[in-house]
PDB file of N, CA and C in Angstrom:
ATOM      1  N   UNK A   1       0.675  -1.248  -0.223  1.00  0.00           N
ATOM      2  CA  UNK A   1      -0.056  -0.030  -0.295  1.00  0.00           C
ATOM      3  C   UNK A   1       0.829   1.027  -0.095  1.00  0.00           C
ATOM      4  N   UNK A   2       0.776   2.319  -0.894  1.00  0.00           N
ATOM      5  CA  UNK A   2       1.009   3.787  -0.658  1.00  0.00           C
ATOM      6  C   UNK A   2       0.393   4.176  -0.127  1.00  0.00           C
ATOM      7  N   UNK A   3       1.009   5.660   0.337  1.00  0.00           N
ATOM      8  CA  UNK A   3       0.443   6.428   0.295  1.00  0.00           C
ATOM      9  C   UNK A   3       0.456   8.106  -0.556  1.00  0.00           C
ATOM     10  N   UNK A   4      -0.385   8.483  -0.838  1.00  0.00           N
ATOM     11  CA  UNK A   4      -0.670   9.418  -1.963  1.00  0.00           C
ATOM     12  C   UNK A   4      -0.619  10.810  -1.101  1.00  0.00           C
ATOM     13  N   UNK A   5       0.368  11.938  -1.493  1.00  0.00           N
ATOM     14  CA  UNK A   5       0.277  13.018  -0.963  1.00  0.00           C
ATOM     15  C   UNK A   5      -0.364  14.207  -2.573  1.00  0.00           C
ATOM     16  N   UNK A   6      -1.458  14.347  -2.207  1.00  0.00           N
ATOM     17  CA  UNK A   6      -2.238  14.935  -2.644  1.00  0.00           C
ATOM     18  C   UNK A   6      -2.738  16.791  -2.856  1.00  0.00           C
ATOM     19  N   UNK A   7      -1.941  17.057  -4.302  1.00  0.00           N
ATOM     20  CA  UNK A   7      -2.353  18.658  -3.905  1.00  0.00           C
ATOM     21  C   UNK A   7      -2.950  19.323  -5.642  1.00  0.00           C
ATOM     22  N   UNK A   8      -4.194  18.361  -5.673  1.00  0.00           N
ATOM     23  CA  UNK A   8      -4.927  19.142  -6.659  1.00  0.00           C
ATOM     24  C   UNK A   8      -5.629  20.445  -6.512  1.00  0.00           C
ATOM     25  N   UNK A   9      -7.157  20.397  -7.135  1.00  0.00           N
ATOM     26  CA  UNK A   9      -7.187  22.003  -7.435  1.00  0.00           C
ATOM     27  C   UNK A   9      -8.186  22.249  -6.100  1.00  0.00           C
ATOM     28  N   UNK A  10      -8.931  20.787  -5.385  1.00  0.00           N
ATOM     29  CA  UNK A  10      -9.548  20.941  -4.494  1.00  0.00           C
ATOM     30  C   UNK A  10      -8.919  20.233  -3.196  1.00  0.00           C
ATOM     31  N   UNK A  11      -8.528  18.706  -3.695  1.00  0.00           N
ATOM     32  CA  UNK A  11      -8.571  17.736  -2.794  1.00  0.00           C
ATOM     33  C   UNK A  11      -6.583  18.287  -2.122  1.00  0.00           C
ATOM     34  N   UNK A  12      -6.492  18.588  -1.153  1.00  0.00           N
ATOM     35  CA  UNK A  12      -5.232  18.690  -0.490  1.00  0.00           C
ATOM     36  C   UNK A  12      -4.447  18.402   0.527  1.00  0.00           C
ATOM     37  N   UNK A  13      -3.135  17.132   0.884  1.00  0.00           N
ATOM     38  CA  UNK A  13      -3.183  16.751   1.955  1.00  0.00           C
ATOM     39  C   UNK A  13      -2.071  16.725   2.125  1.00  0.00           C
ATOM     40  N   UNK A  14      -1.078  18.025   1.568  1.00  0.00           N
ATOM     41  CA  UNK A  14       0.435  17.993   1.549  1.00  0.00           C
ATOM     42  C   UNK A  14       1.312  18.073   3.090  1.00  0.00           C
ATOM     43  N   UNK A  15       0.639  19.507   2.932  1.00  0.00           N
ATOM     44  CA  UNK A  15       0.480  19.429   4.857  1.00  0.00           C
ATOM     45  C   UNK A  15       0.680  18.697   5.796  1.00  0.00           C
ATOM     46  N   UNK A  16      -0.604  17.836   5.431  1.00  0.00           N
ATOM     47  CA  UNK A  16      -0.707  16.657   6.507  1.00  0.00           C
ATOM     48  C   UNK A  16       0.187  16.126   6.694  1.00  0.00           C
ATOM     49  N   UNK A  17       0.319  15.426   5.344  1.00  0.00           N
ATOM     50  CA  UNK A  17       0.996  13.848   4.980  1.00  0.00           C
ATOM     51  C   UNK A  17       2.483  14.503   4.978  1.00  0.00           C
ATOM     52  N   UNK A  18       3.580  14.800   4.507  1.00  0.00           N
ATOM     53  CA  UNK A  18       4.658  15.535   3.772  1.00  0.00           C
ATOM     54  C   UNK A  18       5.729  14.857   5.223  1.00  0.00           C
ATOM     55  N   UNK A  19       5.452  15.138   6.381  1.00  0.00           N
ATOM     56  CA  UNK A  19       6.216  14.903   7.554  1.00  0.00           C
ATOM     57  C   UNK A  19       6.680  13.800   7.554  1.00  0.00           C
ATOM     58  N   UNK A  20       6.118  13.102   6.827  1.00  0.00           N
ATOM     59  CA  UNK A  20       6.088  11.265   6.682  1.00  0.00           C
ATOM     60  C   UNK A  20       7.195  10.591   5.993  1.00  0.00           C
ATOM     61  N   UNK A  21       7.308  11.561   5.145  1.00  0.00           N
ATOM     62  CA  UNK A  21       8.402  10.554   4.016  1.00  0.00           C
ATOM     63  C   UNK A  21       9.297  11.077   5.254  1.00  0.00           C
ATOM     64  N   UNK A  22       9.948  11.473   6.120  1.00  0.00           N
ATOM     65  CA  UNK A  22      11.123  11.561   7.254  1.00  0.00           C
ATOM     66  C   UNK A  22      11.182   9.563   7.393  1.00  0.00           C
ATOM     67  N   UNK A  23      10.302   9.387   7.595  1.00  0.00           N
ATOM     68  CA  UNK A  23      10.695   7.681   8.122  1.00  0.00           C
ATOM     69  C   UNK A  23      10.021   7.300   6.997  1.00  0.00           C
ATOM     70  N   UNK A  24       9.142   7.024   6.063  1.00  0.00           N
ATOM     71  CA  UNK A  24       8.438   6.081   5.105  1.00  0.00           C
ATOM     72  C   UNK A  24       8.526   6.781   3.763  1.00  0.00           C
ATOM     73  N   UNK A  25       9.804   6.790   3.264  1.00  0.00           N
ATOM     74  CA  UNK A  25      10.359   7.552   2.137  1.00  0.00           C
ATOM     75  C   UNK A  25       9.640   5.980   0.806  1.00  0.00           C
ATOM     76  N   UNK A  26       9.608   4.557   1.197  1.00  0.00           N
ATOM     77  CA  UNK A  26       9.321   4.134   0.065  1.00  0.00           C
ATOM     78  C   UNK A  26       7.922   3.543  -0.020  1.00  0.00           C
ATOM     79  N   UNK A  27       7.187   4.508   1.279  1.00  0.00           N
ATOM     80  CA  UNK A  27       5.705   3.702   0.911  1.00  0.00           C
ATOM     81  C   UNK A  27       4.695   5.490   0.723  1.00  0.00           C
ATOM     82  N   UNK A  28       5.603   6.448   0.066  1.00  0.00           N
ATOM     83  CA  UNK A  28       5.372   7.703  -0.261  1.00  0.00           C
ATOM     84  C   UNK A  28       5.149   8.008  -2.042  1.00  0.00           C
ATOM     85  N   UNK A  29       3.934   8.670  -2.200  1.00  0.00           N
ATOM     86  CA  UNK A  29       4.379   9.028  -3.842  1.00  0.00           C
ATOM     87  C   UNK A  29       3.592  10.542  -3.542  1.00  0.00           C
ATOM     88  N   UNK A  30       4.154  11.508  -4.446  1.00  0.00           N
ATOM     89  CA  UNK A  30       3.570  12.525  -4.461  1.00  0.00           C
ATOM     90  C   UNK A  30       2.330  12.322  -6.132  1.00  0.00           C
ATOM     91  N   UNK A  31       0.912  13.322  -6.142  1.00  0.00           N
ATOM     92  CA  UNK A  31       0.223  13.292  -6.666  1.00  0.00           C
ATOM     93  C   UNK A  31      -0.683  14.757  -6.899  1.00  0.00           C
ATOM     94  N   UNK A  32      -0.934  14.494  -7.860  1.00  0.00           N
ATOM     95  CA  UNK A  32      -1.511  16.219  -8.574  1.00  0.00           C
ATOM     96  C   UNK A  32      -2.668  16.244  -9.435  1.00  0.00           C
ATOM     97  N   UNK A  33      -3.455  15.084  -8.846  1.00  0.00           N
ATOM     98  CA  UNK A  33      -4.797  15.090  -9.429  1.00  0.00           C
ATOM     99  C   UNK A  33      -5.614  15.569  -9.745  1.00  0.00           C
ATOM    100  N   UNK A  34      -6.894  15.928  -9.935  1.00  0.00           N
ATOM    101  CA  UNK A  34      -8.106  16.506 -10.334  1.00  0.00           C
ATOM    102  C   UNK A  34      -7.895  18.799  -9.970  1.00  0.00           C
ATOM    103  N   UNK A  35      -6.451  18.994 -11.187  1.00  0.00           N
ATOM    104  CA  UNK A  35      -5.893  19.766 -11.056  1.00  0.00           C
ATOM    105  C   UNK A  35      -6.790  20.678 -12.679  1.00  0.00           C
ATOM    106  N   UNK A  36      -6.961  21.760 -12.131  1.00  0.00           N
ATOM    107  CA  UNK A  36      -7.347  22.726 -13.614  1.00  0.00           C
ATOM    108  C   UNK A  36      -6.879  22.700 -14.270  1.00  0.00           C
ATOM    109  N   UNK A  37      -6.963  22.847 -15.326  1.00  0.00           N
ATOM    110  CA  UNK A  37      -6.129  23.139 -16.673  1.00  0.00           C
ATOM    111  C   UNK A  37      -4.829  24.071 -16.695  1.00  0.00           C
ATOM    112  N   UNK A  38      -5.503  25.389 -16.547  1.00  0.00           N
ATOM    113  CA  UNK A  38      -4.913  26.311 -16.079  1.00  0.00           C
ATOM    114  C   UNK A  38      -3.688  26.340 -14.564  1.00  0.00           C
ATOM    115  N   UNK A  39      -4.200  25.816 -13.872  1.00  0.00           N
ATOM    116  CA  UNK A  39      -3.380  25.360 -12.704  1.00  0.00           C
ATOM    117  C   UNK A  39      -2.065  24.774 -13.172  1.00  0.00           C
ATOM    118  N   UNK A  40      -1.959  23.782 -13.902  1.00  0.00           N
ATOM    119  CA  UNK A  40      -0.567  23.023 -14.259  1.00  0.00           C
ATOM    120  C   UNK A  40       0.313  23.915 -15.240  1.00  0.00           C
ATOM    121  N   UNK A  41      -0.170  25.043 -15.308  1.00  0.00           N
ATOM    122  CA  UNK A  41       0.612  25.718 -16.014  1.00  0.00           C
ATOM    123  C   UNK A  41       2.197  26.361 -14.808  1.00  0.00           C
ATOM    124  N   UNK A  42       1.093  26.514 -13.544  1.00  0.00           N
ATOM    125  CA  UNK A  42       2.258  26.884 -12.767  1.00  0.00           C
ATOM    126  C   UNK A  42       2.995  25.711 -12.231  1.00  0.00           C
ATOM    127  N   UNK A  43       2.898  24.298 -12.890  1.00  0.00           N
ATOM    128  CA  UNK A  43       3.471  23.467 -12.381  1.00  0.00           C
ATOM    129  C   UNK A  43       3.008  22.177 -11.594  1.00  0.00           C
ATOM    130  N   UNK A  44       2.816  20.922 -10.935  1.00  0.00           N
ATOM    131  CA  UNK A  44       2.277  20.400 -10.549  1.00  0.00           C
ATOM    132  C   UNK A  44       3.250  18.875  -9.874  1.00  0.00           C
ATOM    133  N   UNK A  45       4.139  18.359 -10.140  1.00  0.00           N
ATOM    134  CA  UNK A  45       4.447  17.422  -8.898  1.00  0.00           C
ATOM    135  C   UNK A  45       5.834  18.079  -8.984  1.00  0.00           C
ATOM    136  N   UNK A  46       6.378  18.957 -10.230  1.00  0.00           N
ATOM    137  CA  UNK A  46       7.261  20.264  -9.367  1.00  0.00           C
ATOM    138  C   UNK A  46       7.480  20.669  -8.203  1.00  0.00           C
ATOM    139  N   UNK A  47       6.159  21.120  -7.865  1.00  0.00           N
ATOM    140  CA  UNK A  47       6.105  22.482  -6.682  1.00  0.00           C
ATOM    141  C   UNK A  47       5.832  21.488  -5.953  1.00  0.00           C
ATOM    142  N   UNK A  48       5.177  20.236  -5.317  1.00  0.00           N
ATOM    143  CA  UNK A  48       5.383  19.122  -4.771  1.00  0.00           C
ATOM    144  C   UNK A  48       6.947  19.090  -4.303  1.00  0.00           C
ATOM    145  N   UNK A  49       7.645  19.074  -4.764  1.00  0.00           N
ATOM    146  CA  UNK A  49       9.027  18.477  -5.024  1.00  0.00           C
ATOM    147  C   UNK A  49      10.038  20.249  -3.970  1.00  0.00           C
ATOM    148  N   UNK A  50       9.367  21.367  -4.960  1.00  0.00           N
ATOM    149  CA  UNK A  50      10.074  22.373  -4.347  1.00  0.00           C
ATOM    150  C   UNK A  50       9.833  22.957  -2.839  1.00  0.00           C
ATOM    151  N   UNK A  51       8.262  22.314  -2.627  1.00  0.00           N
ATOM    152  CA  UNK A  51       7.590  22.651  -1.315  1.00  0.00           C
ATOM    153  C   UNK A  51       8.248  21.478  -0.136  1.00  0.00           C
ATOM    154  N   UNK A  52       8.624  20.705  -0.709  1.00  0.00           N
ATOM    155  CA  UNK A  52       9.283  19.566   0.462  1.00  0.00           C
ATOM    156  C   UNK A  52      10.684  20.618   0.866  1.00  0.00           C
ATOM    157  N   UNK A  53      11.307  20.037  -0.057  1.00  0.00           N
ATOM    158  CA  UNK A  53      12.717  21.120   0.302  1.00  0.00           C
ATOM    159  C   UNK A  53      12.788  22.242   0.763  1.00  0.00           C
ATOM    160  N   UNK A  54      11.959  22.920   0.678  1.00  0.00           N
ATOM    161  CA  UNK A  54      11.857  23.988   1.644  1.00  0.00           C
ATOM    162  C   UNK A  54      11.280  23.344   2.808  1.00  0.00           C
ATOM    163  N   UNK A  55      10.900  22.121   3.351  1.00  0.00           N
ATOM    164  CA  UNK A  55      10.578  21.712   4.415  1.00  0.00           C
ATOM    165  C   UNK A  55      11.706  21.103   5.360  1.00  0.00           C
ATOM    166  N   UNK A  56      12.822  21.268   4.628  1.00  0.00           N
ATOM    167  CA  UNK A  56      13.868  20.313   4.514  1.00  0.00           C
ATOM    168  C   UNK A  56      14.176  18.621   4.613  1.00  0.00           C
ATOM    169  N   UNK A  57      13.352  18.084   4.087  1.00  0.00           N
ATOM    170  CA  UNK A  57      13.417  17.212   3.872  1.00  0.00           C
ATOM    171  C   UNK A  57      14.569  16.959   2.660  1.00  0.00           C
ATOM    172  N   UNK A  58      14.790  15.411   3.127  1.00  0.00           N
ATOM    173  CA  UNK A  58      15.882  15.140   1.851  1.00  0.00           C
ATOM    174  C   UNK A  58      15.563  15.091   0.921  1.00  0.00           C
ATOM    175  N   UNK A  59      16.794  15.419   0.113  1.00  0.00           N
ATOM    176  CA  UNK A  59      16.349  15.794  -1.670  1.00  0.00           C
ATOM    177  C   UNK A  59      15.814  14.060  -2.235  1.00  0.00           C
ATOM    178  N   UNK A  60      16.813  12.894  -1.564  1.00  0.00           N
ATOM    179  CA  UNK A  60      16.607  11.931  -1.992  1.00  0.00           C
ATOM    180  C   UNK A  60      15.276  11.398  -1.752  1.00  0.00           C
ATOM    181  N   UNK A  61      14.835  11.763  -0.669  1.00  0.00           N
ATOM    182  CA  UNK A  61      13.405  11.157  -0.188  1.00  0.00           C
ATOM    183  C   UNK A  61      12.136  11.544  -1.547  1.00  0.00           C
ATOM    184  N   UNK A  62      12.968  13.001  -1.656  1.00  0.00           N
ATOM    185  CA  UNK A  62      11.696  13.665  -2.666  1.00  0.00           C
ATOM    186  C   UNK A  62      11.460  12.967  -3.682  1.00  0.00           C
ATOM    187  N   UNK A  63      12.617  13.285  -4.295  1.00  0.00           N
ATOM    188  CA  UNK A  63      12.903  12.417  -5.483  1.00  0.00           C
ATOM    189  C   UNK A  63      12.126  10.858  -5.411  1.00  0.00           C
ATOM    190  N   UNK A  64      12.718  10.028  -4.913  1.00  0.00           N
ATOM    191  CA  UNK A  64      11.812   8.955  -4.299  1.00  0.00           C
ATOM    192  C   UNK A  64      10.497   8.826  -4.770  1.00  0.00           C
ATOM    193  N   UNK A  65       9.595  10.116  -3.829  1.00  0.00           N
ATOM    194  CA  UNK A  65       8.196   9.904  -4.173  1.00  0.00           C
ATOM    195  C   UNK A  65       7.662  10.498  -5.355  1.00  0.00           C
ATOM    196  N   UNK A  66       8.789  11.161  -5.934  1.00  0.00           N
ATOM    197  CA  UNK A  66       8.269  11.799  -7.139  1.00  0.00           C
ATOM    198  C   UNK A  66       8.397  10.910  -8.727  1.00  0.00           C
ATOM    199  N   UNK A  67       9.649  10.377  -7.450  1.00  0.00           N
ATOM    200  CA  UNK A  67       9.668   9.691 -10.119  1.00  0.00           C
ATOM    201  C   UNK A  67       9.921   8.040  -9.260  1.00  0.00           C
ATOM    202  N   UNK A  68      10.788   7.312  -8.487  1.00  0.00           N
ATOM    203  CA  UNK A  68      10.915   6.705  -8.137  1.00  0.00           C
ATOM    204  C   UNK A  68       9.691   4.912  -7.957  1.00  0.00           C
ATOM    205  N   UNK A  69       9.183   5.607  -6.610  1.00  0.00           N
ATOM    206  CA  UNK A  69       8.166   4.798  -5.950  1.00  0.00           C
ATOM    207  C   UNK A  69       6.911   4.640  -7.376  1.00  0.00           C
ATOM    208  N   UNK A  70       6.551   6.012  -7.856  1.00  0.00           N
ATOM    209  CA  UNK A  70       5.575   5.969  -8.619  1.00  0.00           C
ATOM    210  C   UNK A  70       5.526   4.848 -10.072  1.00  0.00           C
ATOM    211  N   UNK A  71       6.935   5.220 -10.541  1.00  0.00           N
ATOM    212  CA  UNK A  71       7.617   4.016 -11.423  1.00  0.00           C
ATOM    213  C   UNK A  71       7.102   2.315 -11.354  1.00  0.00           C
ATOM    214  N   UNK A  72       7.850   2.827 -10.087  1.00  0.00           N
ATOM    215  CA  UNK A  72       8.453   0.520  -9.308  1.00  0.00           C
ATOM    216  C   UNK A  72       6.418   0.305  -9.021  1.00  0.00           C
ATOM    217  N   UNK A  73       5.992   1.061  -8.893  1.00  0.00           N
ATOM    218  CA  UNK A  73       4.127   0.947  -8.221  1.00  0.00           C
ATOM    219  C   UNK A  73       3.440   0.766  -9.106  1.00  0.00           C
ATOM    220  N   UNK A  74       3.373   1.412 -10.161  1.00  0.00           N
ATOM    221  CA  UNK A  74       2.282   0.950 -11.589  1.00  0.00           C
ATOM    222  C   UNK A  74       3.432   0.230 -12.645  1.00  0.00           C
ATOM    223  N   UNK A  75       4.534   0.087 -11.903  1.00  0.00           N
ATOM    224  CA  UNK A  75       5.174  -1.058 -13.226  1.00  0.00           C
ATOM    225  C   UNK A  75       5.557  -0.304 -14.892  1.00  0.00           C
ATOM    226  N   UNK A  76       5.981   0.679 -14.323  1.00  0.00           N
ATOM    227  CA  UNK A  76       6.211   1.468 -15.693  1.00  0.00           C
ATOM    228  C   UNK A  76       7.240   0.736 -16.606  1.00  0.00           C
ATOM    229  N   UNK A  77       7.233   1.173 -17.950  1.00  0.00           N
ATOM    230  CA  UNK A  77       8.800   0.369 -18.616  1.00  0.00           C
ATOM    231  C   UNK A  77       8.935   1.397 -18.981  1.00  0.00           C
ATOM    232  N   UNK A  78       9.991   1.586 -18.078  1.00  0.00           N
ATOM    233  CA  UNK A  78      11.011   2.684 -18.460  1.00  0.00           C
ATOM    234  C   UNK A  78      12.619   2.220 -18.740  1.00  0.00           C
ATOM    235  N   UNK A  79      13.451   2.757 -19.742  1.00  0.00           N
ATOM    236  CA  UNK A  79      14.589   2.835 -19.975  1.00  0.00           C
ATOM    237  C   UNK A  79      15.413   3.318 -18.972  1.00  0.00           C
ATOM    238  N   UNK A  80      16.341   2.694 -18.610  1.00  0.00           N
ATOM    239  CA  UNK A  80      17.284   3.405 -17.352  1.00  0.00           C
ATOM    240  C   UNK A  80      19.088   3.186 -18.074  1.00  0.00           C
TER     241      UNK A  80
END
């Protein structure tokens, strides 16, 4: 099971869950669903990464949540 840290146009739980990255980096993924198209111009997953960096979370744990965990969880076919 994974924990999705969501920051969409309506549903938002980044502030409530981001600190979990310190202890559970293998179980967390960033999610930006339900975003309005005009808000995508400002960014999506990259915004969550920047906010997590500002909170002092280890950059490798952030990248794991943004990149590695989703690829592994959804078994995406990527070239390494």
